[in-house]
Amino acid sequence: MSTPADNNNGGLKSFVFRREREAAWRQFESLLGKIERRGLHTLDQDELIRLPNLYRSTLSSLSVARGISLDRSLVRYLENLATRGYFSVYGARAKTSSLIADFFVNRLPAAVRGAVIPMLLSLLIFTFAAAVGFGFTMANEDWYHAFMSESSAQGRTPDTSTEDLRAGLFSDEDEKQLLDIFAAHLFSNNAGVGMLCFAVGIFFGIPTVLILMTNGAMLGAFAALYADRGLSVELWGWLLIHGTTELLAVVLCGGAGLMLGGALAFPGRHTRLENLARAGRQAAVIVIGCVGMFFVAGLLEGFGRQEINTTWVRYLIAGAMLVFWLGYFALSGGNRHGRRRAS
């Protein structure tokens, strides 16, 4: 049975204990109130750093208070504070919509901006291969068969008449259907090509370069077939209405693969595995974003190419999409978010 002296001693211990630690509890309680009212994102950098430390300090105080049997009101106060702290520190979860918005507004464009060199290198490889395929085919039409497989060409060869080639771009439904099969192979397949460019980057980027060159040369040879018949303007309007989105995504995936290859080939001050992990996180963000770009390209392909037959309108849509993507990757998001999260 406790005596008055014991009760007084317990009260004294509680008073001393509270006096030594109460300031930290109040700070923690203030931060919890701010989180509960306005969300975890409203804390500044210093507050975010102090939050877990104050939480651990509160847990320690609770453990001591229970161990030395301090007054129950103080124990209940600390239990409540610790519970609130748990849900604020570990239980806070951003909404799915917020995570998706943050990814596309901040993380993706920042990841692309942080990898300008491999992206430009990927673009250079693809366009160089396209120029080679175009130049060789224009010089000698036999090269067309070297760059284009029979299944890819879908009957479009140097022996095809100019009227049939033109009809496939604008009028004849049967011809359109055949050309659509080619488009499905050339562009829709680019989603798989893009993923492959990224995946094989771990082999020092060599397969990535080969894939970019193969597909670039194929595009160049096909463009040469139409250029030889004076149909370049019409063809590129037909292709680019969704190609500015889809081909850009392929180039970005190629750049992501080159990032992996470069991380292994040139590890710098880190080990190869450490460098690969760092580059892989950033490259993965880019590739996930490219999946969304391929989806947009599919919508443009399905609607634009089928419903719009005016060449200048096709170019207008293609140019608008190109300006949009370049502006998005160059300007969207802030360095505060991007550089930290993309790395």
Protein backbone atom coordinates (compact mmCIF):
# COMPACT_ATOMS: atom_id res chain seq x y z
CA MET A 1 0.00 0.00 0.00
CA SER A 2 1.46 3.37 -1.01
CA THR A 3 2.06 6.02 1.62
CA PRO A 4 1.72 9.82 1.27
CA ALA A 5 5.50 9.98 1.16
CA ASP A 6 5.55 7.55 -1.80
CA ASN A 7 2.93 9.61 -3.63
CA ASN A 8 4.88 12.81 -3.01
CA ASN A 9 8.05 11.12 -4.21
CA GLY A 10 6.28 9.91 -7.39
CA GLY A 11 4.94 13.39 -8.03
CA LEU A 12 8.41 14.84 -7.55
CA LYS A 13 9.91 12.35 -9.97
CA SER A 14 7.23 13.17 -12.55
CA PHE A 15 7.84 16.89 -12.10
CA VAL A 16 11.60 16.55 -12.58
CA PHE A 17 11.17 14.17 -15.48
CA ARG A 18 8.69 16.48 -17.19
CA ARG A 19 10.82 19.57 -16.62
CA GLU A 20 13.85 17.97 -18.27
CA ARG A 21 12.04 16.66 -21.33
CA GLU A 22 8.86 18.64 -21.81
CA ALA A 23 10.37 21.10 -24.28
CA ALA A 24 11.05 18.28 -26.77
CA TRP A 25 7.51 16.91 -26.28
CA ARG A 26 6.00 20.32 -26.99
CA GLN A 27 8.10 20.71 -30.14
CA PHE A 28 6.96 17.28 -31.31
CA GLU A 29 3.34 18.07 -30.49
CA SER A 30 3.57 21.32 -32.44
CA LEU A 31 4.91 19.53 -35.52
CA LEU A 32 2.19 16.87 -35.25
CA GLY A 33 -0.47 19.55 -35.10
CA LYS A 34 0.95 21.15 -38.23
CA ILE A 35 0.97 17.80 -40.06
CA GLU A 36 -2.56 16.94 -38.99
CA ARG A 37 -3.91 20.32 -40.08
CA ARG A 38 -2.09 20.86 -43.35
CA GLY A 39 -0.15 17.69 -44.23
CA LEU A 40 3.41 16.42 -44.04
CA HIS A 41 4.44 18.35 -47.16
CA THR A 42 4.06 21.67 -45.32
CA LEU A 43 7.09 20.97 -43.10
CA ASP A 44 10.31 22.68 -44.08
CA GLN A 45 13.64 20.89 -44.33
CA ASP A 46 14.68 21.52 -40.71
CA GLU A 47 11.33 20.33 -39.41
CA LEU A 48 11.51 17.17 -41.49
CA ILE A 49 14.93 16.42 -40.03
CA ARG A 50 13.76 17.02 -36.45
CA LEU A 51 10.53 15.02 -36.78
CA PRO A 52 11.95 11.45 -36.53
CA ASN A 53 14.41 12.51 -33.80
CA LEU A 54 11.61 13.98 -31.69
CA TYR A 55 9.53 10.86 -32.30
CA ARG A 56 12.30 8.59 -31.02
CA SER A 57 12.82 10.89 -28.04
CA THR A 58 9.12 10.64 -27.19
CA LEU A 59 9.24 6.83 -27.38
CA SER A 60 12.25 6.86 -25.08
CA SER A 61 10.43 9.10 -22.60
CA LEU A 62 7.40 6.80 -22.68
CA SER A 63 9.57 3.77 -22.00
CA VAL A 64 11.23 5.45 -19.02
CA ALA A 65 7.91 6.75 -17.67
CA ARG A 66 6.47 3.25 -17.69
CA GLY A 67 9.63 1.74 -16.23
CA ILE A 68 9.80 3.99 -13.16
CA SER A 69 6.02 4.13 -12.69
CA LEU A 70 5.45 7.84 -13.12
CA ASP A 71 1.94 9.25 -12.71
CA ARG A 72 -0.64 7.81 -15.07
CA SER A 73 -1.65 11.14 -16.59
CA LEU A 74 1.89 11.70 -17.84
CA VAL A 75 2.08 8.14 -19.22
CA ARG A 76 -1.26 8.57 -21.02
CA TYR A 77 -0.08 11.88 -22.48
CA LEU A 78 3.09 10.28 -23.84
CA GLU A 79 1.17 7.26 -25.16
CA ASN A 80 -1.18 9.56 -27.07
CA LEU A 81 1.74 11.61 -28.39
CA ALA A 82 3.59 8.47 -29.50
CA THR A 83 0.50 7.13 -31.27
CA ARG A 84 -0.04 10.38 -33.14
CA GLY A 85 3.65 10.40 -34.01
CA TYR A 86 3.55 6.90 -35.42
CA PHE A 87 0.77 7.74 -37.88
CA SER A 88 2.47 10.98 -38.87
CA VAL A 89 5.97 9.53 -39.34
CA TYR A 90 5.13 6.07 -40.71
CA GLY A 91 1.46 6.20 -41.54
CA ALA A 92 1.43 9.25 -43.82
CA ARG A 93 0.86 8.18 -47.40
CA ALA A 94 0.45 10.45 -50.35
CA LYS A 95 -2.61 9.89 -52.51
CA THR A 96 -2.07 7.93 -55.70
CA SER A 97 -3.13 10.93 -57.75
CA SER A 98 -0.53 13.09 -55.96
CA LEU A 99 2.22 10.54 -56.61
CA ILE A 100 1.33 10.32 -60.30
CA ALA A 101 1.17 14.10 -60.62
CA ASP A 102 4.53 14.49 -58.87
CA PHE A 103 6.08 11.87 -61.18
CA PHE A 104 5.01 13.59 -64.39
CA VAL A 105 5.37 17.17 -63.17
CA ASN A 106 8.72 16.83 -61.41
CA ARG A 107 10.53 13.51 -61.52
CA LEU A 108 10.28 12.61 -65.21
CA PRO A 109 11.34 15.93 -66.75
CA ALA A 110 14.08 16.31 -64.14
CA ALA A 111 15.40 12.82 -64.93
CA VAL A 112 15.53 13.67 -68.65
CA ARG A 113 17.25 17.00 -67.99
CA GLY A 114 19.79 15.21 -65.85
CA ALA A 115 20.68 12.87 -68.72
CA VAL A 116 21.08 15.29 -71.62
CA ILE A 117 24.32 13.78 -72.93
CA PRO A 118 23.09 10.16 -73.36
CA MET A 119 19.82 11.47 -74.80
CA LEU A 120 21.64 13.56 -77.40
CA LEU A 121 23.92 10.62 -78.16
CA SER A 122 20.89 8.38 -78.70
CA LEU A 123 19.35 10.99 -81.03
CA LEU A 124 22.62 11.31 -82.94
CA ILE A 125 22.91 7.53 -83.44
CA PHE A 126 19.29 7.19 -84.60
CA THR A 127 19.38 10.14 -87.01
CA PHE A 128 22.79 9.14 -88.38
CA ALA A 129 21.51 5.63 -89.12
CA ALA A 130 18.37 7.08 -90.73
CA ALA A 131 20.54 9.33 -92.91
CA VAL A 132 22.69 6.35 -93.92
CA GLY A 133 19.63 4.26 -94.78
CA PHE A 134 18.16 7.15 -96.74
CA GLY A 135 21.37 7.98 -98.62
CA PHE A 136 22.26 4.42 -99.56
CA THR A 137 18.72 3.66 -100.75
CA MET A 138 18.51 6.83 -102.81
CA ALA A 139 21.86 5.95 -104.43
CA ASN A 140 20.93 2.34 -105.14
CA GLU A 141 17.45 0.97 -104.57
CA ASP A 142 18.86 -2.50 -103.91
CA TRP A 143 19.90 -1.26 -100.47
CA TYR A 144 16.22 -0.96 -99.62
CA HIS A 145 15.99 -4.72 -99.26
CA ALA A 146 19.10 -4.79 -97.07
CA PHE A 147 17.54 -2.40 -94.57
CA MET A 148 13.89 -3.49 -94.82
CA SER A 149 12.71 -7.06 -94.27
CA GLU A 150 9.89 -8.39 -96.42
CA SER A 151 7.53 -8.52 -93.45
CA SER A 152 8.34 -4.91 -92.52
CA ALA A 153 7.89 -3.59 -96.04
CA GLN A 154 4.42 -5.13 -96.39
CA GLY A 155 4.67 -5.14 -100.17
CA ARG A 156 6.07 -1.60 -100.40
CA THR A 157 9.16 -2.02 -102.57
CA PRO A 158 10.91 -0.03 -105.29
CA ASP A 159 8.70 -1.92 -107.74
CA THR A 160 5.52 -0.42 -106.26
CA SER A 161 4.00 2.29 -108.45
CA THR A 162 3.89 5.92 -107.36
CA GLU A 163 0.10 5.89 -107.59
CA ASP A 164 -0.13 2.98 -105.16
CA LEU A 165 2.24 4.65 -102.71
CA ARG A 166 0.27 7.89 -102.83
CA ALA A 167 -3.05 6.09 -102.53
CA GLY A 168 -1.94 4.47 -99.31
CA LEU A 169 -1.31 7.88 -97.75
CA PHE A 170 -4.63 9.47 -98.63
CA SER A 171 -7.35 7.70 -100.52
CA ASP A 172 -7.60 4.05 -101.43
CA GLU A 173 -8.90 2.08 -98.46
CA ASP A 174 -7.20 -1.16 -99.47
CA GLU A 175 -3.90 0.64 -99.88
CA LYS A 176 -4.42 2.43 -96.59
CA GLN A 177 -5.00 -0.85 -94.85
CA LEU A 178 -1.71 -2.25 -96.13
CA LEU A 179 0.18 0.88 -95.13
CA ASP A 180 -1.47 0.80 -91.72
CA ILE A 181 -0.03 -2.68 -91.25
CA PHE A 182 3.40 -1.27 -91.95
CA ALA A 183 2.80 1.60 -89.54
CA ALA A 184 1.71 -0.82 -86.84
CA HIS A 185 4.94 -2.73 -87.36
CA LEU A 186 7.19 0.30 -87.59
CA PHE A 187 5.74 2.51 -84.87
CA SER A 188 3.60 0.46 -82.51
CA ASN A 189 6.46 -1.99 -82.36
CA ASN A 190 8.62 0.92 -81.28
CA ALA A 191 7.28 0.50 -77.76
CA GLY A 192 8.92 -2.91 -77.65
CA VAL A 193 12.01 -1.50 -79.34
CA GLY A 194 12.22 1.25 -76.74
CA MET A 195 11.94 -1.18 -73.84
CA LEU A 196 14.56 -3.40 -75.45
CA CYS A 197 16.94 -0.46 -75.92
CA PHE A 198 16.75 0.15 -72.20
CA ALA A 199 16.96 -3.48 -71.09
CA VAL A 200 20.06 -4.40 -73.10
CA GLY A 201 21.91 -1.28 -71.98
CA ILE A 202 23.53 -3.31 -69.21
CA PHE A 203 25.75 -4.92 -71.87
CA PHE A 204 27.83 -1.73 -71.95
CA GLY A 205 25.26 -0.11 -74.25
CA ILE A 206 26.46 -1.95 -77.37
CA PRO A 207 23.15 -3.71 -78.19
CA THR A 208 21.33 -0.42 -77.58
CA VAL A 209 23.44 1.26 -80.25
CA LEU A 210 22.77 -1.59 -82.70
CA ILE A 211 19.00 -1.46 -82.13
CA LEU A 212 18.92 2.31 -82.62
CA MET A 213 20.95 2.00 -85.82
CA THR A 214 18.80 -0.83 -87.20
CA ASN A 215 15.54 1.00 -86.66
CA GLY A 216 16.95 4.31 -87.83
CA ALA A 217 18.24 2.76 -91.04
CA MET A 218 14.88 1.09 -91.64
CA LEU A 219 13.08 4.41 -91.30
CA GLY A 220 15.58 6.11 -93.60
CA ALA A 221 15.20 3.45 -96.30
CA PHE A 222 11.43 3.69 -96.17
CA ALA A 223 11.58 7.48 -96.41
CA ALA A 224 13.90 7.16 -99.43
CA LEU A 225 11.34 4.98 -101.21
CA TYR A 226 8.79 7.79 -101.04
CA ALA A 227 11.31 10.57 -101.64
CA ASP A 228 12.31 8.93 -104.92
CA ARG A 229 8.68 9.32 -106.02
CA GLY A 230 8.37 12.93 -104.88
CA LEU A 231 6.17 12.02 -101.90
CA SER A 232 8.41 13.12 -99.03
CA VAL A 233 6.17 15.93 -97.84
CA GLU A 234 3.11 13.71 -97.80
CA LEU A 235 4.89 10.79 -96.15
CA TRP A 236 6.41 12.79 -93.31
CA GLY A 237 3.10 14.46 -92.59
CA TRP A 238 1.55 11.00 -92.36
CA LEU A 239 4.35 9.66 -90.16
CA LEU A 240 5.05 12.59 -87.86
CA ILE A 241 1.49 13.24 -86.71
CA HIS A 242 2.29 10.65 -84.04
CA GLY A 243 5.96 10.11 -84.83
CA THR A 244 7.18 13.21 -83.00
CA THR A 245 5.88 11.59 -79.83
CA GLU A 246 6.73 7.97 -80.55
CA LEU A 247 10.17 8.46 -82.06
CA LEU A 248 11.10 10.84 -79.25
CA ALA A 249 10.12 8.13 -76.77
CA VAL A 250 12.35 5.63 -78.61
CA VAL A 251 15.25 8.08 -78.45
CA LEU A 252 14.67 8.61 -74.72
CA CYS A 253 14.60 4.85 -74.12
CA GLY A 254 17.79 4.55 -76.12
CA GLY A 255 19.36 7.25 -73.98
CA ALA A 256 18.27 5.37 -70.86
CA GLY A 257 19.99 2.24 -72.18
CA LEU A 258 23.15 4.22 -72.92
CA MET A 259 23.04 5.54 -69.34
CA LEU A 260 23.23 1.96 -68.05
CA GLY A 261 26.05 1.14 -70.45
CA GLY A 262 27.95 4.28 -69.49
CA ALA A 263 27.53 3.53 -65.79
CA LEU A 264 29.27 0.19 -66.29
CA ALA A 265 31.90 1.37 -68.74
CA PHE A 266 32.83 4.53 -66.84
CA PRO A 267 32.09 3.97 -63.13
CA GLY A 268 34.18 6.91 -61.93
CA ARG A 269 34.74 7.07 -58.19
CA HIS A 270 31.97 4.54 -57.48
CA THR A 271 32.02 0.79 -58.02
CA ARG A 272 30.31 -0.46 -61.15
CA LEU A 273 27.39 -1.88 -59.19
CA GLU A 274 26.91 1.35 -57.24
CA ASN A 275 27.08 3.42 -60.40
CA LEU A 276 24.67 1.07 -62.19
CA ALA A 277 22.19 1.34 -59.31
CA ARG A 278 22.32 5.15 -59.39
CA ALA A 279 21.95 5.34 -63.17
CA GLY A 280 19.33 2.59 -63.16
CA ARG A 281 17.00 4.52 -60.85
CA GLN A 282 17.13 7.58 -63.07
CA ALA A 283 16.84 5.57 -66.29
CA ALA A 284 13.85 3.65 -64.92
CA VAL A 285 12.00 6.93 -64.32
CA ILE A 286 12.61 7.91 -67.94
CA VAL A 287 11.43 4.57 -69.32
CA ILE A 288 8.27 4.56 -67.20
CA GLY A 289 7.51 8.01 -68.57
CA CYS A 290 8.07 6.75 -72.11
CA VAL A 291 5.32 4.18 -71.58
CA GLY A 292 2.95 7.13 -71.19
CA MET A 293 4.37 8.72 -74.32
CA PHE A 294 3.78 5.54 -76.32
CA PHE A 295 0.18 5.58 -75.10
CA VAL A 296 -0.26 9.17 -76.29
CA ALA A 297 1.34 8.25 -79.62
CA GLY A 298 -1.12 5.40 -79.99
CA LEU A 299 -4.03 7.79 -79.55
CA LEU A 300 -2.58 10.19 -82.11
CA GLU A 301 -1.93 7.33 -84.51
CA GLY A 302 -5.42 5.90 -84.18
CA PHE A 303 -7.21 9.23 -84.52
CA GLY A 304 -4.91 11.53 -86.46
CA ARG A 305 -3.74 9.28 -89.23
CA GLN A 306 -7.16 7.77 -89.84
CA GLU A 307 -9.30 10.89 -89.65
CA ILE A 308 -7.04 13.69 -90.93
CA ASN A 309 -6.11 13.65 -94.62
CA THR A 310 -4.87 17.22 -94.99
CA THR A 311 -1.08 17.32 -95.02
CA TRP A 312 -0.64 20.76 -93.47
CA VAL A 313 -2.97 19.83 -90.59
CA ARG A 314 -0.89 16.73 -89.97
CA TYR A 315 2.26 18.85 -89.83
CA LEU A 316 0.54 21.33 -87.52
CA ILE A 317 -0.35 18.59 -85.04
CA ALA A 318 3.13 17.03 -85.33
CA GLY A 319 4.81 20.39 -84.70
CA ALA A 320 2.53 21.21 -81.78
CA MET A 321 3.33 17.87 -80.13
CA LEU A 322 7.06 18.37 -80.65
CA VAL A 323 6.94 21.84 -79.11
CA PHE A 324 4.89 20.49 -76.23
CA TRP A 325 7.32 17.67 -75.43
CA LEU A 326 10.42 19.85 -75.72
CA GLY A 327 8.85 22.53 -73.53
CA TYR A 328 7.67 19.94 -71.03
CA PHE A 329 11.08 18.30 -70.61
CA ALA A 330 12.92 21.63 -70.55
CA LEU A 331 10.67 23.62 -68.24
CA SER A 332 8.37 21.37 -66.23
CA GLY A 333 9.08 20.85 -62.54
CA GLY A 334 11.69 22.54 -60.40
CA ASN A 335 15.31 21.77 -59.65
CA ARG A 336 14.42 21.47 -55.98
CA HIS A 337 12.35 18.37 -56.72
CA GLY A 338 14.01 17.05 -59.79
CA ARG A 339 17.68 16.84 -59.00
CA ARG A 340 17.08 15.23 -55.67
CA ARG A 341 14.49 12.70 -56.78
CA ALA A 342 15.86 11.71 -60.10
CA SER A 343 19.21 10.70 -58.67
